[in-house]
Amino acid sequence: MRKIVLYSLLSLDGVAEHPDRYVFEFDEVMDANLARVISSQDAVVLGRRTYDDWAPYWPTGEHQPFADFINAVPKHVVTSTEPTVPWANTEVVPGDVTKHLRQLREQPGGDIGVHGSIVLARSLLAADLIDELRLVITPVQAGEGRRLFADGDVPRRFTLTMAEASPSGALLADYTVRRD
């Protein structure tokens, strides 16, 4: 069975929204970490807001290795309407995303990535569909913005599988979701 892996940039106080406001440096260790994360992914699921933000940018984006990856990978976009900006390898998921992802997990292939997409990430965590978290926690207090974990979320446990500090002070942390 394929794994669904959530990659998220976070501020020290847990904000996931607008990482451009708290990720001031993306150093070589963070680049290598991102390359490691995407190397096992052969599909991505995105929420509509992230799609609308990324579709005009990434086809000409130059941040490697992510630009080549995100432009080539099959993208499953959760939305009830067809996006207005076309992007290669995009499939619209108009209905039940949990059903779609459960079916996708059963197909042969690599990991399924969730990038950005805070609302989608929260719903997949609530549906117990996320298998691993790959977090980049920056040493900045954002103060405000949507967080990956919201007040009122069902408590859950995670197992730390990797932790590394980057030269710019970011903490790279991988967790598996415990289901015991």
N, C-alpha and C. Protein backbone atom coordinates (compact mmCIF):
# COMPACT_ATOMS: atom_id res chain seq x y z
N MET A 1 0.84 -1.18 0.00
CA MET A 1 0.00 0.00 0.00
C MET A 1 0.89 1.24 0.00
N ARG A 2 0.51 2.20 -0.80
CA ARG A 2 1.26 3.46 -0.88
C ARG A 2 1.03 4.28 0.38
N LYS A 3 2.00 5.13 0.69
CA LYS A 3 1.88 6.03 1.84
C LYS A 3 1.48 7.42 1.36
N ILE A 4 0.74 8.11 2.21
CA ILE A 4 0.43 9.52 1.96
C ILE A 4 1.31 10.32 2.91
N VAL A 5 2.15 11.17 2.33
CA VAL A 5 3.17 11.89 3.07
C VAL A 5 2.91 13.39 2.98
N LEU A 6 2.76 14.01 4.14
CA LEU A 6 2.52 15.45 4.22
C LEU A 6 3.84 16.17 4.43
N TYR A 7 4.18 17.09 3.53
CA TYR A 7 5.37 17.94 3.66
C TYR A 7 4.88 19.34 3.96
N SER A 8 5.40 19.93 5.03
CA SER A 8 4.93 21.27 5.39
C SER A 8 6.06 22.11 5.97
N LEU A 9 6.06 23.37 5.58
CA LEU A 9 6.94 24.37 6.18
C LEU A 9 6.15 25.03 7.30
N LEU A 10 6.76 25.13 8.48
CA LEU A 10 6.07 25.69 9.64
C LEU A 10 6.95 26.72 10.33
N SER A 11 6.31 27.70 10.94
CA SER A 11 7.04 28.59 11.85
C SER A 11 7.17 27.86 13.18
N LEU A 12 7.98 28.39 14.06
CA LEU A 12 8.18 27.77 15.36
C LEU A 12 6.88 27.68 16.16
N ASP A 13 5.96 28.62 15.94
CA ASP A 13 4.67 28.58 16.64
C ASP A 13 3.59 27.86 15.83
N GLY A 14 4.00 27.08 14.84
CA GLY A 14 3.07 26.18 14.15
C GLY A 14 2.32 26.73 12.96
N VAL A 15 2.60 27.96 12.56
CA VAL A 15 1.90 28.55 11.42
C VAL A 15 2.40 27.88 10.13
N ALA A 16 1.44 27.48 9.28
CA ALA A 16 1.76 26.84 8.00
C ALA A 16 1.43 27.74 6.81
N GLU A 17 0.65 28.76 7.06
CA GLU A 17 0.19 29.65 6.00
C GLU A 17 1.28 30.66 5.62
N HIS A 18 1.40 30.94 4.33
CA HIS A 18 2.34 31.93 3.80
C HIS A 18 3.77 31.74 4.33
N PRO A 19 4.40 30.62 3.98
CA PRO A 19 5.78 30.39 4.46
C PRO A 19 6.76 31.46 4.01
N ASP A 20 6.41 32.23 2.98
CA ASP A 20 7.30 33.31 2.55
C ASP A 20 7.44 34.38 3.64
N ARG A 21 6.57 34.36 4.64
CA ARG A 21 6.64 35.32 5.73
C ARG A 21 7.55 34.87 6.88
N TYR A 22 7.98 33.60 6.86
CA TYR A 22 8.84 33.12 7.95
C TYR A 22 9.97 32.21 7.50
N VAL A 23 10.03 31.84 6.24
CA VAL A 23 11.17 31.10 5.72
C VAL A 23 12.03 32.12 4.98
N PHE A 24 13.07 32.58 5.67
CA PHE A 24 13.92 33.63 5.11
C PHE A 24 15.12 33.07 4.37
N GLU A 25 15.46 31.83 4.67
CA GLU A 25 16.62 31.19 4.06
C GLU A 25 16.24 29.76 3.76
N PHE A 26 16.51 29.30 2.55
CA PHE A 26 16.32 27.90 2.20
C PHE A 26 17.71 27.38 1.87
N ASP A 27 18.37 26.78 2.86
CA ASP A 27 19.79 26.41 2.72
C ASP A 27 19.96 25.05 2.04
N GLU A 28 21.21 24.66 1.85
CA GLU A 28 21.52 23.43 1.13
C GLU A 28 21.01 22.18 1.83
N VAL A 29 20.96 22.17 3.15
CA VAL A 29 20.43 21.02 3.89
C VAL A 29 18.91 20.92 3.68
N MET A 30 18.24 22.06 3.66
CA MET A 30 16.80 22.07 3.39
C MET A 30 16.52 21.63 1.96
N ASP A 31 17.36 22.06 1.01
CA ASP A 31 17.23 21.61 -0.38
C ASP A 31 17.39 20.10 -0.49
N ALA A 32 18.41 19.56 0.17
CA ALA A 32 18.65 18.12 0.13
C ALA A 32 17.49 17.36 0.77
N ASN A 33 16.93 17.92 1.84
CA ASN A 33 15.78 17.30 2.49
C ASN A 33 14.58 17.28 1.55
N LEU A 34 14.31 18.39 0.88
CA LEU A 34 13.20 18.43 -0.06
C LEU A 34 13.42 17.42 -1.19
N ALA A 35 14.64 17.32 -1.70
CA ALA A 35 14.94 16.34 -2.74
C ALA A 35 14.66 14.92 -2.24
N ARG A 36 15.02 14.65 -0.99
CA ARG A 36 14.76 13.32 -0.40
C ARG A 36 13.27 13.06 -0.30
N VAL A 37 12.51 14.05 0.15
CA VAL A 37 11.06 13.88 0.32
C VAL A 37 10.39 13.59 -1.01
N ILE A 38 10.70 14.38 -2.03
CA ILE A 38 10.00 14.21 -3.31
C ILE A 38 10.51 13.02 -4.12
N SER A 39 11.70 12.51 -3.79
CA SER A 39 12.27 11.40 -4.57
C SER A 39 11.41 10.14 -4.49
N SER A 40 10.64 9.97 -3.44
CA SER A 40 9.80 8.77 -3.30
C SER A 40 8.35 9.01 -3.75
N GLN A 41 8.03 10.24 -4.16
CA GLN A 41 6.65 10.58 -4.53
C GLN A 41 6.45 10.52 -6.04
N ASP A 42 5.35 9.87 -6.45
CA ASP A 42 5.01 9.87 -7.87
C ASP A 42 3.59 10.36 -8.12
N ALA A 43 3.01 10.99 -7.11
CA ALA A 43 1.69 11.63 -7.22
C ALA A 43 1.60 12.67 -6.12
N VAL A 44 0.81 13.72 -6.37
CA VAL A 44 0.62 14.79 -5.41
C VAL A 44 -0.87 15.12 -5.36
N VAL A 45 -1.35 15.41 -4.17
CA VAL A 45 -2.72 15.90 -4.01
C VAL A 45 -2.63 17.33 -3.50
N LEU A 46 -3.38 18.22 -4.14
CA LEU A 46 -3.37 19.65 -3.79
C LEU A 46 -4.79 20.14 -3.57
N GLY A 47 -4.94 21.06 -2.65
CA GLY A 47 -6.20 21.77 -2.50
C GLY A 47 -6.31 22.83 -3.58
N ARG A 48 -7.51 23.35 -3.76
CA ARG A 48 -7.75 24.31 -4.84
C ARG A 48 -6.97 25.61 -4.63
N ARG A 49 -6.91 26.11 -3.41
CA ARG A 49 -6.19 27.36 -3.16
C ARG A 49 -4.71 27.23 -3.51
N THR A 50 -4.09 26.13 -3.10
CA THR A 50 -2.69 25.90 -3.42
C THR A 50 -2.51 25.76 -4.93
N TYR A 51 -3.41 25.02 -5.57
CA TYR A 51 -3.35 24.90 -7.03
C TYR A 51 -3.40 26.28 -7.69
N ASP A 52 -4.36 27.10 -7.28
CA ASP A 52 -4.50 28.42 -7.89
C ASP A 52 -3.27 29.30 -7.66
N ASP A 53 -2.61 29.14 -6.52
CA ASP A 53 -1.37 29.89 -6.25
C ASP A 53 -0.19 29.35 -7.06
N TRP A 54 -0.11 28.03 -7.20
CA TRP A 54 1.06 27.40 -7.80
C TRP A 54 1.00 27.28 -9.32
N ALA A 55 -0.18 27.07 -9.90
CA ALA A 55 -0.29 26.81 -11.35
C ALA A 55 0.30 27.94 -12.20
N PRO A 56 0.12 29.22 -11.84
CA PRO A 56 0.74 30.25 -12.66
C PRO A 56 2.26 30.39 -12.41
N TYR A 57 2.73 29.93 -11.24
CA TYR A 57 4.13 30.15 -10.85
C TYR A 57 5.07 29.02 -11.28
N TRP A 58 4.74 27.78 -10.93
CA TRP A 58 5.72 26.70 -11.05
C TRP A 58 6.09 26.31 -12.48
N PRO A 59 5.22 26.46 -13.48
CA PRO A 59 5.68 26.09 -14.83
C PRO A 59 6.92 26.86 -15.29
N THR A 60 7.15 28.03 -14.73
CA THR A 60 8.37 28.78 -15.06
C THR A 60 9.27 28.95 -13.83
N GLY A 61 8.88 28.35 -12.70
CA GLY A 61 9.67 28.43 -11.48
C GLY A 61 11.03 27.79 -11.66
N GLU A 62 12.00 28.28 -10.91
CA GLU A 62 13.37 27.80 -11.08
C GLU A 62 13.95 27.11 -9.85
N HIS A 63 13.20 27.04 -8.74
CA HIS A 63 13.75 26.40 -7.54
C HIS A 63 13.77 24.89 -7.73
N GLN A 64 14.97 24.38 -7.91
CA GLN A 64 15.15 22.95 -8.14
C GLN A 64 15.51 22.26 -6.84
N PRO A 65 15.12 21.03 -6.66
CA PRO A 65 14.53 20.12 -7.64
C PRO A 65 13.00 20.20 -7.71
N PHE A 66 12.39 21.08 -6.92
CA PHE A 66 10.93 21.08 -6.82
C PHE A 66 10.26 21.47 -8.13
N ALA A 67 10.79 22.41 -8.87
CA ALA A 67 10.13 22.87 -10.10
C ALA A 67 9.95 21.72 -11.10
N ASP A 68 11.02 20.98 -11.37
CA ASP A 68 10.90 19.85 -12.30
C ASP A 68 9.93 18.81 -11.77
N PHE A 69 10.01 18.53 -10.48
CA PHE A 69 9.14 17.54 -9.86
C PHE A 69 7.67 17.93 -9.98
N ILE A 70 7.30 19.10 -9.49
CA ILE A 70 5.89 19.48 -9.41
C ILE A 70 5.28 19.67 -10.80
N ASN A 71 6.08 20.05 -11.77
CA ASN A 71 5.54 20.20 -13.12
C ASN A 71 5.30 18.86 -13.81
N ALA A 72 6.09 17.85 -13.48
CA ALA A 72 5.99 16.55 -14.14
C ALA A 72 5.05 15.57 -13.42
N VAL A 73 4.93 15.67 -12.12
CA VAL A 73 4.19 14.69 -11.33
C VAL A 73 2.68 14.80 -11.59
N PRO A 74 1.96 13.68 -11.57
CA PRO A 74 0.50 13.75 -11.63
C PRO A 74 -0.04 14.47 -10.39
N LYS A 75 -0.90 15.45 -10.64
CA LYS A 75 -1.47 16.27 -9.58
C LYS A 75 -2.96 15.99 -9.48
N HIS A 76 -3.42 15.62 -8.30
CA HIS A 76 -4.83 15.38 -8.02
C HIS A 76 -5.32 16.61 -7.25
N VAL A 77 -6.17 17.40 -7.89
CA VAL A 77 -6.60 18.67 -7.32
C VAL A 77 -8.03 18.54 -6.80
N VAL A 78 -8.20 18.82 -5.51
CA VAL A 78 -9.49 18.72 -4.87
C VAL A 78 -10.25 20.02 -5.08
N THR A 79 -11.29 19.96 -5.92
CA THR A 79 -12.07 21.14 -6.23
C THR A 79 -13.40 20.73 -6.86
N SER A 80 -14.39 21.56 -6.69
CA SER A 80 -15.69 21.27 -7.29
C SER A 80 -15.83 21.90 -8.67
N THR A 81 -14.89 22.74 -9.06
CA THR A 81 -14.94 23.39 -10.37
C THR A 81 -13.60 23.24 -11.09
N GLU A 82 -13.66 23.26 -12.39
CA GLU A 82 -12.44 23.13 -13.20
C GLU A 82 -11.56 24.36 -12.99
N PRO A 83 -10.28 24.19 -12.72
CA PRO A 83 -9.38 25.34 -12.58
C PRO A 83 -9.31 26.16 -13.88
N THR A 84 -9.15 27.45 -13.72
CA THR A 84 -9.08 28.32 -14.90
C THR A 84 -7.68 28.36 -15.51
N VAL A 85 -6.65 28.09 -14.72
CA VAL A 85 -5.28 28.05 -15.22
C VAL A 85 -4.89 26.59 -15.43
N PRO A 86 -4.63 26.20 -16.67
CA PRO A 86 -4.23 24.81 -16.92
C PRO A 86 -2.81 24.55 -16.42
N TRP A 87 -2.57 23.29 -16.04
CA TRP A 87 -1.24 22.87 -15.59
C TRP A 87 -1.09 21.41 -15.97
N ALA A 88 0.01 21.06 -16.56
CA ALA A 88 0.23 19.70 -17.05
C ALA A 88 0.03 18.66 -15.95
N ASN A 89 -0.49 17.52 -16.35
CA ASN A 89 -0.64 16.35 -15.48
C ASN A 89 -1.58 16.60 -14.31
N THR A 90 -2.65 17.35 -14.55
CA THR A 90 -3.61 17.67 -13.49
C THR A 90 -4.90 16.89 -13.69
N GLU A 91 -5.36 16.27 -12.61
CA GLU A 91 -6.66 15.59 -12.59
C GLU A 91 -7.49 16.24 -11.49
N VAL A 92 -8.71 16.64 -11.83
CA VAL A 92 -9.61 17.23 -10.85
C VAL A 92 -10.31 16.12 -10.08
N VAL A 93 -10.33 16.27 -8.76
CA VAL A 93 -11.05 15.35 -7.87
C VAL A 93 -12.26 16.11 -7.36
N PRO A 94 -13.43 15.97 -8.02
CA PRO A 94 -14.59 16.78 -7.66
C PRO A 94 -15.39 16.24 -6.49
N GLY A 95 -15.22 14.99 -6.17
CA GLY A 95 -16.06 14.37 -5.16
C GLY A 95 -15.33 14.10 -3.86
N ASP A 96 -15.57 12.95 -3.32
CA ASP A 96 -15.05 12.53 -2.03
C ASP A 96 -13.54 12.27 -2.12
N VAL A 97 -12.76 13.19 -1.59
CA VAL A 97 -11.31 13.07 -1.67
C VAL A 97 -10.81 11.87 -0.87
N THR A 98 -11.44 11.56 0.24
CA THR A 98 -10.98 10.41 1.04
C THR A 98 -11.17 9.12 0.27
N LYS A 99 -12.28 8.97 -0.42
CA LYS A 99 -12.52 7.78 -1.25
C LYS A 99 -11.48 7.72 -2.38
N HIS A 100 -11.26 8.85 -3.04
CA HIS A 100 -10.29 8.91 -4.14
C HIS A 100 -8.89 8.51 -3.65
N LEU A 101 -8.48 9.04 -2.50
CA LEU A 101 -7.14 8.74 -2.00
C LEU A 101 -7.02 7.30 -1.50
N ARG A 102 -8.09 6.77 -0.92
CA ARG A 102 -8.04 5.36 -0.51
C ARG A 102 -7.84 4.47 -1.73
N GLN A 103 -8.52 4.79 -2.84
CA GLN A 103 -8.36 4.02 -4.07
C GLN A 103 -6.96 4.22 -4.65
N LEU A 104 -6.47 5.44 -4.62
CA LEU A 104 -5.13 5.74 -5.14
C LEU A 104 -4.05 5.00 -4.34
N ARG A 105 -4.25 4.90 -3.03
CA ARG A 105 -3.28 4.19 -2.17
C ARG A 105 -3.16 2.72 -2.55
N GLU A 106 -4.24 2.14 -3.04
CA GLU A 106 -4.26 0.72 -3.37
C GLU A 106 -3.58 0.42 -4.70
N GLN A 107 -3.37 1.43 -5.52
CA GLN A 107 -2.70 1.24 -6.80
C GLN A 107 -1.20 1.15 -6.59
N PRO A 108 -0.50 0.45 -7.49
CA PRO A 108 0.96 0.39 -7.36
C PRO A 108 1.57 1.78 -7.58
N GLY A 109 2.69 2.02 -6.92
CA GLY A 109 3.39 3.28 -7.11
C GLY A 109 4.11 3.71 -5.86
N GLY A 110 4.65 4.92 -5.93
CA GLY A 110 5.40 5.50 -4.82
C GLY A 110 4.48 6.24 -3.87
N ASP A 111 5.10 7.06 -3.05
CA ASP A 111 4.34 7.85 -2.08
C ASP A 111 3.47 8.88 -2.78
N ILE A 112 2.40 9.27 -2.09
CA ILE A 112 1.51 10.33 -2.55
C ILE A 112 1.80 11.53 -1.66
N GLY A 113 2.23 12.63 -2.24
CA GLY A 113 2.59 13.80 -1.47
C GLY A 113 1.44 14.77 -1.28
N VAL A 114 1.43 15.40 -0.12
CA VAL A 114 0.52 16.52 0.15
C VAL A 114 1.42 17.70 0.45
N HIS A 115 1.33 18.74 -0.38
CA HIS A 115 2.19 19.91 -0.25
C HIS A 115 1.31 21.14 -0.10
N GLY A 116 1.65 22.03 0.85
CA GLY A 116 0.80 23.20 1.08
C GLY A 116 -0.57 22.73 1.53
N SER A 117 -1.62 23.36 1.01
CA SER A 117 -2.99 22.85 1.15
C SER A 117 -3.39 22.59 2.61
N ILE A 118 -3.41 23.62 3.42
CA ILE A 118 -3.66 23.48 4.86
C ILE A 118 -5.02 22.85 5.15
N VAL A 119 -6.06 23.33 4.51
CA VAL A 119 -7.41 22.79 4.76
C VAL A 119 -7.45 21.31 4.38
N LEU A 120 -6.90 20.98 3.22
CA LEU A 120 -6.85 19.60 2.78
C LEU A 120 -6.03 18.75 3.75
N ALA A 121 -4.86 19.25 4.15
CA ALA A 121 -4.01 18.50 5.08
C ALA A 121 -4.76 18.22 6.39
N ARG A 122 -5.45 19.22 6.91
CA ARG A 122 -6.22 19.01 8.14
C ARG A 122 -7.30 17.95 7.95
N SER A 123 -7.99 18.00 6.82
CA SER A 123 -9.07 17.02 6.59
C SER A 123 -8.50 15.62 6.43
N LEU A 124 -7.35 15.49 5.80
CA LEU A 124 -6.73 14.17 5.65
C LEU A 124 -6.20 13.64 6.97
N LEU A 125 -5.68 14.54 7.81
CA LEU A 125 -5.28 14.12 9.16
C LEU A 125 -6.50 13.65 9.96
N ALA A 126 -7.60 14.39 9.86
CA ALA A 126 -8.82 14.02 10.59
C ALA A 126 -9.38 12.69 10.10
N ALA A 127 -9.22 12.40 8.81
CA ALA A 127 -9.71 11.15 8.23
C ALA A 127 -8.70 10.00 8.42
N ASP A 128 -7.59 10.27 9.11
CA ASP A 128 -6.54 9.30 9.36
C ASP A 128 -5.95 8.74 8.07
N LEU A 129 -5.77 9.62 7.08
CA LEU A 129 -5.18 9.20 5.81
C LEU A 129 -3.71 9.58 5.67
N ILE A 130 -3.20 10.44 6.53
CA ILE A 130 -1.78 10.80 6.47
C ILE A 130 -0.98 9.73 7.21
N ASP A 131 0.05 9.21 6.55
CA ASP A 131 0.90 8.18 7.14
C ASP A 131 2.17 8.76 7.76
N GLU A 132 2.72 9.80 7.11
CA GLU A 132 3.95 10.41 7.58
C GLU A 132 3.89 11.92 7.44
N LEU A 133 4.57 12.61 8.34
CA LEU A 133 4.74 14.05 8.27
C LEU A 133 6.22 14.32 8.03
N ARG A 134 6.52 15.20 7.09
CA ARG A 134 7.88 15.66 6.86
C ARG A 134 7.83 17.17 7.06
N LEU A 135 8.30 17.63 8.20
CA LEU A 135 8.15 19.02 8.59
C LEU A 135 9.48 19.76 8.54
N VAL A 136 9.41 21.02 8.14
CA VAL A 136 10.54 21.94 8.20
C VAL A 136 10.09 23.06 9.12
N ILE A 137 10.65 23.09 10.32
CA ILE A 137 10.24 24.05 11.35
C ILE A 137 11.29 25.14 11.43
N THR A 138 10.90 26.34 11.06
CA THR A 138 11.85 27.45 11.00
C THR A 138 11.92 28.18 12.34
N PRO A 139 13.07 28.78 12.65
CA PRO A 139 13.24 29.45 13.94
C PRO A 139 12.68 30.87 13.95
N VAL A 140 11.41 30.97 13.58
CA VAL A 140 10.74 32.26 13.52
C VAL A 140 9.35 32.12 14.12
N GLN A 141 8.96 33.05 14.95
CA GLN A 141 7.59 33.09 15.47
C GLN A 141 6.77 33.94 14.49
N ALA A 142 5.82 33.32 13.80
CA ALA A 142 5.01 34.04 12.81
C ALA A 142 3.95 34.90 13.49
N GLY A 143 3.44 34.43 14.62
CA GLY A 143 2.47 35.22 15.37
C GLY A 143 1.04 35.01 14.94
N GLU A 144 0.79 34.98 13.64
CA GLU A 144 -0.58 34.78 13.18
C GLU A 144 -0.58 34.04 11.86
N GLY A 145 -1.70 33.44 11.57
CA GLY A 145 -1.86 32.65 10.36
C GLY A 145 -2.41 31.29 10.69
N ARG A 146 -2.89 30.60 9.65
CA ARG A 146 -3.46 29.27 9.86
C ARG A 146 -2.35 28.28 10.22
N ARG A 147 -2.66 27.45 11.17
CA ARG A 147 -1.72 26.45 11.65
C ARG A 147 -2.06 25.09 11.06
N LEU A 148 -1.07 24.22 11.00
CA LEU A 148 -1.31 22.87 10.51
C LEU A 148 -2.28 22.15 11.45
N PHE A 149 -2.07 22.28 12.73
CA PHE A 149 -2.96 21.66 13.71
C PHE A 149 -3.82 22.75 14.34
N ALA A 150 -5.11 22.51 14.38
CA ALA A 150 -6.05 23.52 14.87
C ALA A 150 -6.56 23.16 16.26
N ASP A 151 -6.99 24.17 16.99
CA ASP A 151 -7.66 23.92 18.26
C ASP A 151 -8.85 23.01 18.01
N GLY A 152 -9.02 22.04 18.88
CA GLY A 152 -10.15 21.11 18.75
C GLY A 152 -9.83 19.87 17.95
N ASP A 153 -8.63 19.77 17.36
CA ASP A 153 -8.26 18.54 16.65
C ASP A 153 -8.24 17.38 17.63
N VAL A 154 -8.56 16.21 17.11
CA VAL A 154 -8.50 15.00 17.92
C VAL A 154 -7.03 14.74 18.26
N PRO A 155 -6.72 14.52 19.53
CA PRO A 155 -5.32 14.23 19.88
C PRO A 155 -4.82 12.97 19.17
N ARG A 156 -3.59 12.99 18.74
CA ARG A 156 -3.00 11.82 18.09
C ARG A 156 -1.52 11.79 18.45
N ARG A 157 -0.92 10.62 18.26
CA ARG A 157 0.48 10.45 18.60
C ARG A 157 1.28 10.20 17.33
N PHE A 158 2.54 10.61 17.39
CA PHE A 158 3.46 10.46 16.26
C PHE A 158 4.77 9.88 16.79
N THR A 159 5.50 9.21 15.92
CA THR A 159 6.82 8.69 16.25
C THR A 159 7.86 9.42 15.41
N LEU A 160 8.83 10.01 16.08
CA LEU A 160 9.91 10.71 15.39
C LEU A 160 10.81 9.68 14.72
N THR A 161 11.05 9.84 13.41
CA THR A 161 11.90 8.91 12.68
C THR A 161 13.18 9.55 12.16
N MET A 162 13.21 10.90 12.14
CA MET A 162 14.41 11.61 11.68
C MET A 162 14.33 13.03 12.19
N ALA A 163 15.47 13.56 12.61
CA ALA A 163 15.57 14.97 13.00
C ALA A 163 16.96 15.46 12.65
N GLU A 164 17.00 16.65 12.06
CA GLU A 164 18.27 17.24 11.67
C GLU A 164 18.12 18.75 11.69
N ALA A 165 19.15 19.42 12.13
CA ALA A 165 19.16 20.89 12.09
C ALA A 165 19.86 21.33 10.82
N SER A 166 19.36 22.41 10.24
CA SER A 166 20.01 22.96 9.05
C SER A 166 20.88 24.15 9.46
N PRO A 167 21.81 24.57 8.60
CA PRO A 167 22.68 25.70 8.94
C PRO A 167 21.92 26.99 9.26
N SER A 168 20.75 27.18 8.67
CA SER A 168 19.97 28.39 8.94
C SER A 168 19.13 28.27 10.20
N GLY A 169 19.21 27.13 10.88
CA GLY A 169 18.50 26.95 12.15
C GLY A 169 17.16 26.25 12.05
N ALA A 170 16.77 25.82 10.85
CA ALA A 170 15.52 25.08 10.70
C ALA A 170 15.70 23.66 11.25
N LEU A 171 14.63 23.13 11.80
CA LEU A 171 14.61 21.75 12.26
C LEU A 171 13.85 20.95 11.22
N LEU A 172 14.50 19.93 10.67
CA LEU A 172 13.87 19.02 9.72
C LEU A 172 13.45 17.79 10.53
N ALA A 173 12.17 17.50 10.56
CA ALA A 173 11.68 16.42 11.40
C ALA A 173 10.68 15.56 10.64
N ASP A 174 10.92 14.26 10.64
CA ASP A 174 9.99 13.30 10.05
C ASP A 174 9.29 12.53 11.16
N TYR A 175 8.01 12.34 10.98
CA TYR A 175 7.20 11.60 11.95
C TYR A 175 6.32 10.61 11.21
N THR A 176 6.11 9.45 11.81
CA THR A 176 5.08 8.55 11.33
C THR A 176 3.88 8.70 12.26
N VAL A 177 2.71 8.51 11.69
CA VAL A 177 1.48 8.58 12.48
C VAL A 177 1.31 7.25 13.19
N ARG A 178 1.15 7.31 14.50
CA ARG A 178 0.95 6.09 15.29
C ARG A 178 -0.51 5.71 15.25
N ARG A 179 -0.75 4.46 15.03
CA ARG A 179 -2.13 3.96 14.97
C ARG A 179 -2.32 2.83 15.99
N ASP A 180 -1.75 3.01 17.18
CA ASP A 180 -1.89 1.97 18.21
C ASP A 180 -2.84 2.38 19.29
